[in-house]
Protein backbone atom coordinates (compact mmCIF):
# COMPACT_ATOMS: atom_id res chain seq x y z
CA UNK A 1 -68.59 56.93 -180.90
CA UNK A 2 -67.44 57.72 -184.77
CA UNK A 3 -68.24 61.09 -186.27
CA UNK A 4 -67.87 60.94 -190.45
CA UNK A 5 -68.68 63.29 -192.55
CA UNK A 6 -72.63 61.53 -194.89
CA UNK A 7 -71.53 59.59 -197.00
CA UNK A 8 -74.31 58.62 -199.59
CA UNK A 9 -75.05 55.60 -198.42
CA UNK A 10 -76.46 56.76 -195.84
CA UNK A 11 -79.44 59.02 -197.07
CA UNK A 12 -81.44 55.88 -196.02
CA UNK A 13 -80.69 55.26 -192.35
CA UNK A 14 -80.17 59.61 -191.76
CA UNK A 15 -83.53 59.74 -192.89
CA UNK A 16 -84.89 56.96 -190.09
CA UNK A 17 -82.96 58.77 -187.22
CA UNK A 18 -83.86 61.62 -188.61
CA UNK A 19 -88.26 60.79 -188.25
CA UNK A 20 -87.53 58.66 -184.98
CA UNK A 21 -85.86 62.11 -183.14
CA UNK A 22 -88.87 64.16 -184.02
CA UNK A 23 -91.42 61.49 -183.75
CA UNK A 24 -94.21 63.73 -181.24
CA UNK A 25 -91.07 66.12 -180.29
CA UNK A 26 -94.17 69.05 -179.78
CA UNK A 27 -91.91 71.91 -181.43
CA UNK A 28 -91.71 69.45 -184.47
CA UNK A 29 -94.12 69.26 -187.16
CA UNK A 30 -92.46 66.24 -189.44
CA UNK A 31 -91.42 67.44 -191.81
CA UNK A 32 -87.19 67.60 -191.41
CA UNK A 33 -86.43 64.16 -192.72
CA UNK A 34 -88.19 66.17 -195.95
CA UNK A 35 -86.04 70.15 -195.21
CA UNK A 36 -82.45 67.80 -195.20
CA UNK A 37 -82.99 65.55 -198.96
CA UNK A 38 -84.35 68.95 -200.16
CA UNK A 39 -81.31 71.03 -199.49
CA UNK A 40 -79.21 67.67 -200.90
CA UNK A 41 -81.61 67.87 -203.18
CA UNK A 42 -80.71 72.03 -203.95
CA UNK A 43 -76.21 71.49 -202.63
CA UNK A 44 -77.03 73.57 -199.80
CA UNK A 45 -76.45 71.16 -197.50
CA UNK A 46 -73.06 72.42 -197.16
CA UNK A 47 -72.13 70.01 -194.00
CA UNK A 48 -73.98 67.17 -193.19
CA UNK A 49 -72.59 64.87 -190.44
CA UNK A 50 -73.43 61.07 -188.09
CA UNK A 51 -73.03 59.86 -186.03
CA UNK A 52 -71.98 56.23 -185.96
CA UNK A 53 -72.06 53.57 -182.48
CA UNK A 54 -71.24 49.86 -183.70
CA UNK A 55 -71.45 51.42 -187.60
CA UNK A 56 -74.59 52.06 -187.12
CA UNK A 57 -76.05 55.53 -188.14
CA UNK A 58 -77.67 56.97 -184.23
CA UNK A 59 -77.35 60.79 -184.98
CA UNK A 60 -77.55 63.16 -187.78
CA UNK A 61 -76.94 66.99 -188.00
CA UNK A 62 -77.08 69.52 -190.89
CA UNK A 63 -75.41 72.94 -191.98
CA UNK A 64 -76.77 75.10 -194.94
CA UNK A 65 -76.43 78.71 -195.39
CA UNK A 66 -78.33 80.85 -194.23
CA UNK A 67 -78.75 85.33 -195.87
CA UNK A 68 -77.92 88.15 -193.67
CA UNK A 69 -78.27 91.71 -194.74
CA UNK A 70 -74.55 91.46 -192.37
CA UNK A 71 -72.36 89.79 -194.46
CA UNK A 72 -71.46 85.79 -196.40
CA UNK A 73 -70.56 83.47 -194.75
CA UNK A 74 -73.24 82.73 -192.07
CA UNK A 75 -74.85 78.96 -191.67
CA UNK A 76 -78.01 77.81 -189.52
CA UNK A 77 -77.58 74.85 -188.25
CA UNK A 78 -79.94 71.78 -188.06
CA UNK A 79 -81.42 69.63 -187.87
CA UNK A 80 -80.07 68.34 -185.34
CA UNK A 81 -81.09 64.57 -184.95
CA UNK A 82 -80.20 61.79 -182.33
CA UNK A 83 -82.20 58.19 -182.19
CA UNK A 84 -84.01 58.50 -179.41
CA UNK A 85 -82.52 55.53 -177.29
CA UNK A 86 -79.00 57.55 -177.88
CA UNK A 87 -80.69 61.10 -176.10
CA UNK A 88 -78.54 62.54 -173.61
CA UNK A 89 -75.53 60.84 -174.39
CA UNK A 90 -73.18 62.76 -175.43
CA UNK A 91 -74.11 62.23 -179.19
CA UNK A 92 -75.44 65.99 -180.04
CA UNK A 93 -72.43 68.08 -178.12
CA UNK A 94 -70.11 65.55 -180.26
CA UNK A 95 -71.95 66.47 -183.40
CA UNK A 96 -72.33 70.29 -182.70
CA UNK A 97 -68.89 70.18 -182.32
CA UNK A 98 -67.97 68.81 -185.05
CA UNK A 99 -70.14 71.06 -186.99
CA UNK A 100 -68.55 74.03 -185.98
CA UNK A 101 -65.61 72.80 -186.01
CA UNK A 102 -65.48 71.82 -189.63
CA UNK A 103 -67.24 75.75 -191.28
CA UNK A 104 -64.81 78.25 -188.69
CA UNK A 105 -61.82 75.84 -189.49
CA UNK A 106 -63.41 77.11 -193.85
CA UNK A 107 -63.94 80.92 -192.92
CA UNK A 108 -67.41 80.55 -191.78
CA UNK A 109 -69.04 83.91 -190.33
CA UNK A 110 -71.34 82.75 -188.24
CA UNK A 111 -73.29 80.17 -187.62
CA UNK A 112 -77.78 81.08 -186.67
CA UNK A 113 -80.22 78.34 -184.96
CA UNK A 114 -83.77 78.06 -183.62
CA UNK A 115 -83.57 76.04 -180.11
CA UNK A 116 -83.34 75.68 -176.80
CA UNK A 117 -81.82 78.86 -175.16
CA UNK A 118 -79.76 76.19 -171.82
CA UNK A 119 -79.39 74.27 -174.37
CA UNK A 120 -77.12 75.77 -177.27
CA UNK A 121 -75.57 78.61 -174.40
CA UNK A 122 -72.93 75.89 -173.85
CA UNK A 123 -72.17 75.73 -177.51
CA UNK A 124 -71.57 79.53 -177.33
CA UNK A 125 -74.70 80.87 -178.93
CA UNK A 126 -75.85 84.19 -177.67
CA UNK A 127 -79.20 85.87 -178.53
CA UNK A 128 -78.97 88.95 -179.99
CA UNK A 129 -81.20 92.30 -181.15
CA UNK A 130 -79.61 92.46 -184.34
CA UNK A 131 -80.66 89.44 -185.17
CA UNK A 132 -84.26 88.15 -185.76
CA UNK A 133 -86.77 85.35 -187.31
CA UNK A 134 -89.39 86.45 -187.90
CA UNK A 135 -92.86 83.91 -186.73
CA UNK A 136 -89.91 82.62 -183.57
CA UNK A 137 -89.77 84.65 -180.38
CA UNK A 138 -85.76 86.31 -179.77
CA UNK A 139 -84.87 84.04 -176.83
CA UNK A 140 -85.22 81.07 -179.55
CA UNK A 141 -83.59 82.38 -182.35
CA UNK A 142 -79.28 82.94 -181.45
CA UNK A 143 -75.66 83.46 -183.12
CA UNK A 144 -72.55 82.23 -182.74
CA UNK A 145 -70.04 85.03 -184.83
CA UNK A 146 -66.28 83.96 -185.34
CA UNK A 147 -65.90 87.58 -185.73
CA UNK A 148 -66.71 90.29 -185.59
CA UNK A 149 -70.07 91.34 -187.91
CA UNK A 150 -71.46 94.85 -188.33
CA UNK A 151 -75.17 95.01 -189.17
CA UNK A 152 -78.25 93.89 -188.58
CA UNK A 153 -81.18 92.63 -189.43
CA UNK A 154 -83.91 89.21 -190.89
CA UNK A 155 -82.38 86.06 -191.39
CA UNK A 156 -83.55 83.87 -194.14
CA UNK A 157 -83.13 80.32 -194.68
CA UNK A 158 -82.53 78.21 -197.44
CA UNK A 159 -86.23 78.03 -199.34
CA UNK A 160 -86.27 74.30 -198.40
CA UNK A 161 -87.27 74.76 -194.86
CA UNK A 162 -90.69 75.79 -196.01
């Protein structure tokens, strides 16, 4: 498996793998491919990595800036899309690790996400009452600070998320 930055010719394959990954998922409203495209169109797709196997895209991860009263340099992780035939094979973990390494190297203050605590804790994400996201049970909203952080309050994702 190879991980690399999105290239212009990847757009259709990213959309397809994202549709397959979220098709029938109980916590999906089916808008994930559109979110990625709106972030890209707005110039807010800060990190867009693909996982390839045999020159075929089998996974994708997106990171985009979020607003938070605690300071600048924070990013939201997601969507993370893995082709169903390749799930539970380490593709998602490899993409998440690569994406977090990339924003950390570029001076990010931290990263937030909405997701399964049992899965994302392995990457260092933790529930912290200082960070909130309206409409989501608090145990599913997690953060990973790369440096000491002050402040508290709601996190707002890019308008591409709807």
